[in-house]
Amino acid sequence: MLRILLINDTPKKVGRLRQALVESGFDVIDETGLTIDLPERIEATRPDVVLIDTESAGRDMMEQVVMVSRDRPRPIVMFTDDHDPGLMRQAIQAGVSAYVVEGILAERLRPIVDVAMARFEADQALRAQLLERDSQLTERKRVELAKGLLMKMKACSEDDAYTLMRRQAMSRQQKLIQVAEQIIATHEMLGV
């Protein structure tokens, strides 16, 4: 059963939405009207999904969503009455997985949450790929720097420097990046 943190930022009664969520098979673990402590509330309750019901998401709410998306990522569904395409883009960029305008029908809740979770998972996978690519690029740059330093120190060709680094890595059972970092550190220490 999915655990839902319900944020109600509207003057409407939240009971109707809570009841619809329960009838749709969700466990509403907490509900509040305040979003000023959203990251802490998420840390305390550890919901599977955050559902926000608001007439129009303000700047403070968007800042809270950004902090959650950065520090404690969760699928976030926002129900709103605001049709503004700019606000919709801002919400999506902040980390909202599903932005639903006009009305909450009980029979639509399950598919909306399912779509939000699928979108969230896809976004998280893309972020992980980007981080991995960034890491690989950084490692490649460091290996290239070390290779250049080794070429200067040993007065050898690029291929020879790379071969020396690979041999060192294999003989010490290290990764190439570890050997590269050792070469860079030695160069910095000796000031060669």
Protein backbone atom coordinates (compact mmCIF):
# COMPACT_ATOMS: atom_id res chain seq x y z
CA MET A 1 0.00 0.00 0.00
CA LEU A 2 1.46 3.35 -1.04
CA ARG A 3 2.03 5.83 1.75
CA ILE A 4 0.84 9.37 0.93
CA LEU A 5 1.80 12.65 2.57
CA LEU A 6 -1.11 15.00 1.90
CA ILE A 7 -0.51 18.76 1.81
CA ASN A 8 -3.68 20.84 1.63
CA ASP A 9 -2.98 24.45 0.82
CA THR A 10 -6.58 25.37 0.00
CA PRO A 11 -9.46 26.67 2.08
CA LYS A 12 -11.45 23.60 0.96
CA LYS A 13 -11.91 20.77 3.40
CA VAL A 14 -9.23 18.10 3.02
CA GLY A 15 -11.45 15.29 4.30
CA ARG A 16 -12.97 14.68 0.86
CA LEU A 17 -9.56 14.13 -0.73
CA ARG A 18 -8.30 12.04 2.15
CA GLN A 19 -11.38 9.81 1.90
CA ALA A 20 -10.95 9.45 -1.87
CA LEU A 21 -7.30 8.44 -1.36
CA VAL A 22 -8.21 5.84 1.27
CA GLU A 23 -10.98 4.46 -0.98
CA SER A 24 -8.44 4.19 -3.82
CA GLY A 25 -6.22 2.00 -1.64
CA PHE A 26 -3.67 4.53 -0.38
CA ASP A 27 -2.43 4.98 3.16
CA VAL A 28 -2.56 8.68 4.08
CA ILE A 29 0.16 8.78 6.73
CA ASP A 30 0.05 12.51 7.43
CA GLU A 31 -1.80 15.57 6.31
CA THR A 32 -1.05 19.19 6.84
CA GLY A 33 -1.88 22.63 5.54
CA LEU A 34 1.65 23.94 5.92
CA THR A 35 4.48 23.52 3.44
CA ILE A 36 7.12 25.57 5.26
CA ASP A 37 8.73 22.45 6.72
CA LEU A 38 8.13 20.03 3.86
CA PRO A 39 11.66 18.49 3.76
CA GLU A 40 11.58 17.82 7.51
CA ARG A 41 8.07 16.41 7.34
CA ILE A 42 9.14 14.08 4.53
CA GLU A 43 12.17 12.98 6.53
CA ALA A 44 9.94 12.24 9.53
CA THR A 45 7.14 10.41 7.68
CA ARG A 46 9.04 8.88 4.69
CA PRO A 47 6.07 8.82 2.31
CA ASP A 48 6.12 7.04 -1.05
CA VAL A 49 4.30 9.97 -2.69
CA VAL A 50 3.67 13.61 -1.76
CA LEU A 51 0.29 14.95 -2.86
CA ILE A 52 -0.23 18.73 -2.81
CA ASP A 53 -3.69 20.26 -3.20
CA THR A 54 -3.41 24.00 -3.83
CA GLU A 55 -5.36 26.73 -5.58
CA SER A 56 -2.12 28.19 -6.93
CA ALA A 57 1.40 27.21 -5.96
CA GLY A 58 3.30 30.18 -4.62
CA ARG A 59 7.00 30.88 -4.53
CA ASP A 60 7.40 29.46 -1.01
CA MET A 61 5.79 26.19 -2.01
CA MET A 62 7.97 25.92 -5.12
CA GLU A 63 11.09 26.48 -2.99
CA GLN A 64 9.98 23.67 -0.68
CA VAL A 65 9.40 21.37 -3.68
CA VAL A 66 12.89 22.19 -5.02
CA MET A 67 14.45 21.34 -1.64
CA VAL A 68 12.54 18.05 -1.48
CA SER A 69 13.50 17.13 -5.05
CA ARG A 70 17.15 17.88 -4.33
CA ASP A 71 17.53 16.39 -0.84
CA ARG A 72 14.75 13.82 -0.38
CA PRO A 73 13.42 12.99 -3.84
CA ARG A 74 9.87 11.62 -3.95
CA PRO A 75 7.15 11.58 -6.59
CA ILE A 76 5.12 14.77 -6.11
CA VAL A 77 1.59 15.19 -7.45
CA MET A 78 0.15 18.69 -7.50
CA PHE A 79 -3.59 19.30 -7.85
CA THR A 80 -4.35 22.93 -8.61
CA ASP A 81 -6.91 25.28 -10.09
CA ASP A 82 -4.20 27.36 -11.80
CA HIS A 83 -4.08 27.00 -15.61
CA ASP A 84 -0.98 29.19 -16.02
CA PRO A 85 1.48 27.39 -18.36
CA GLY A 86 4.37 29.31 -16.78
CA LEU A 87 3.47 28.05 -13.33
CA MET A 88 3.09 24.53 -14.72
CA ARG A 89 6.61 24.66 -16.19
CA GLN A 90 7.97 26.08 -12.95
CA ALA A 91 6.35 23.26 -10.98
CA ILE A 92 7.73 20.58 -13.30
CA GLN A 93 11.21 22.15 -13.16
CA ALA A 94 10.96 22.28 -9.36
CA GLY A 95 10.36 18.52 -9.27
CA VAL A 96 6.61 17.97 -9.53
CA SER A 97 5.96 14.64 -11.26
CA ALA A 98 2.31 15.28 -12.15
CA TYR A 99 0.53 18.64 -12.42
CA VAL A 100 -3.24 18.16 -12.52
CA VAL A 101 -5.58 21.10 -13.20
CA GLU A 102 -9.23 21.27 -12.16
CA GLY A 103 -10.72 18.72 -9.94
CA ILE A 104 -9.88 15.54 -8.17
CA LEU A 105 -12.01 12.59 -9.10
CA ALA A 106 -11.58 9.53 -6.92
CA GLU A 107 -11.43 7.17 -9.92
CA ARG A 108 -8.57 9.22 -11.42
CA LEU A 109 -6.36 9.15 -8.32
CA ARG A 110 -4.77 5.72 -8.87
CA PRO A 111 -3.78 6.36 -12.53
CA ILE A 112 -2.50 9.86 -11.69
CA VAL A 113 -0.30 8.55 -8.88
CA ASP A 114 0.89 5.65 -11.07
CA VAL A 115 1.90 8.09 -13.84
CA ALA A 116 3.63 10.36 -11.32
CA MET A 117 5.61 7.43 -9.94
CA ALA A 118 6.60 6.24 -13.42
CA ARG A 119 7.70 9.75 -14.39
CA PHE A 120 9.62 10.15 -11.14
CA GLU A 121 11.44 6.84 -11.69
CA ALA A 122 12.33 7.83 -15.26
CA ASP A 123 13.63 11.21 -14.06
CA GLN A 124 15.69 9.56 -11.32
CA ALA A 125 17.19 7.13 -13.85
CA LEU A 126 18.14 10.03 -16.13
CA ARG A 127 19.71 11.89 -13.22
CA ALA A 128 21.72 8.82 -12.30
CA GLN A 129 22.92 8.49 -15.90
CA LEU A 130 23.93 12.15 -15.98
CA LEU A 131 25.86 11.79 -12.74
CA GLU A 132 27.60 8.70 -14.07
CA ARG A 133 28.49 10.48 -17.32
CA ASP A 134 29.79 13.50 -15.39
CA SER A 135 31.90 11.21 -13.25
CA GLN A 136 33.27 9.42 -16.32
CA LEU A 137 34.09 12.74 -17.99
CA THR A 138 35.85 14.01 -14.88
CA GLU A 139 37.86 10.79 -14.65
CA ARG A 140 38.78 10.98 -18.32
CA LYS A 141 40.00 14.56 -17.87
CA ARG A 142 42.10 13.56 -14.87
CA VAL A 143 43.60 10.59 -16.79
CA GLU A 144 44.43 12.91 -19.70
CA LEU A 145 46.06 15.41 -17.32
CA ALA A 146 48.13 12.64 -15.71
CA LYS A 147 49.10 11.31 -19.12
CA GLY A 148 50.28 14.78 -20.15
CA LEU A 149 52.29 15.16 -16.95
CA LEU A 150 53.83 11.72 -17.44
CA MET A 151 54.74 12.62 -21.03
CA LYS A 152 56.65 15.67 -19.74
CA MET A 153 58.33 13.82 -16.87
CA LYS A 154 59.40 10.82 -18.93
CA ALA A 155 59.80 12.62 -22.29
CA CYS A 156 57.67 9.94 -23.92
CA SER A 157 54.82 9.72 -26.40
CA GLU A 158 51.14 9.74 -25.46
CA ASP A 159 50.84 6.02 -26.22
CA ASP A 160 53.87 5.23 -24.08
CA ALA A 161 52.54 7.31 -21.18
CA TYR A 162 49.18 5.53 -21.38
CA THR A 163 50.89 2.14 -21.51
CA LEU A 164 52.96 3.02 -18.42
CA MET A 165 49.82 4.06 -16.54
CA ARG A 166 47.97 0.87 -17.53
CA ARG A 167 50.87 -1.32 -16.47
CA GLN A 168 51.08 0.46 -13.13
CA ALA A 169 47.33 0.03 -12.60
CA MET A 170 47.44 -3.67 -13.44
CA SER A 171 50.52 -4.41 -11.32
CA ARG A 172 48.97 -2.69 -8.27
CA GLN A 173 45.45 -3.92 -9.01
CA GLN A 174 44.16 -0.36 -9.14
CA LYS A 175 41.89 1.52 -11.45
CA LEU A 176 43.47 3.78 -14.03
CA ILE A 177 41.98 6.83 -12.32
CA GLN A 178 43.76 5.90 -9.07
CA VAL A 179 47.12 5.80 -10.86
CA ALA A 180 46.27 9.08 -12.57
CA GLU A 181 45.48 10.73 -9.22
CA GLN A 182 48.79 9.44 -7.80
CA ILE A 183 50.72 10.93 -10.74
CA ILE A 184 48.92 14.27 -10.34
CA ALA A 185 49.50 14.32 -6.57
CA THR A 186 53.19 13.49 -7.03
CA HIS A 187 53.55 16.24 -9.61
CA GLU A 188 51.86 18.76 -7.31
CA MET A 189 53.96 17.70 -4.33
CA LEU A 190 57.25 17.85 -6.19
CA GLY A 191 56.32 20.86 -8.28
CA VAL A 192 57.99 19.28 -11.26
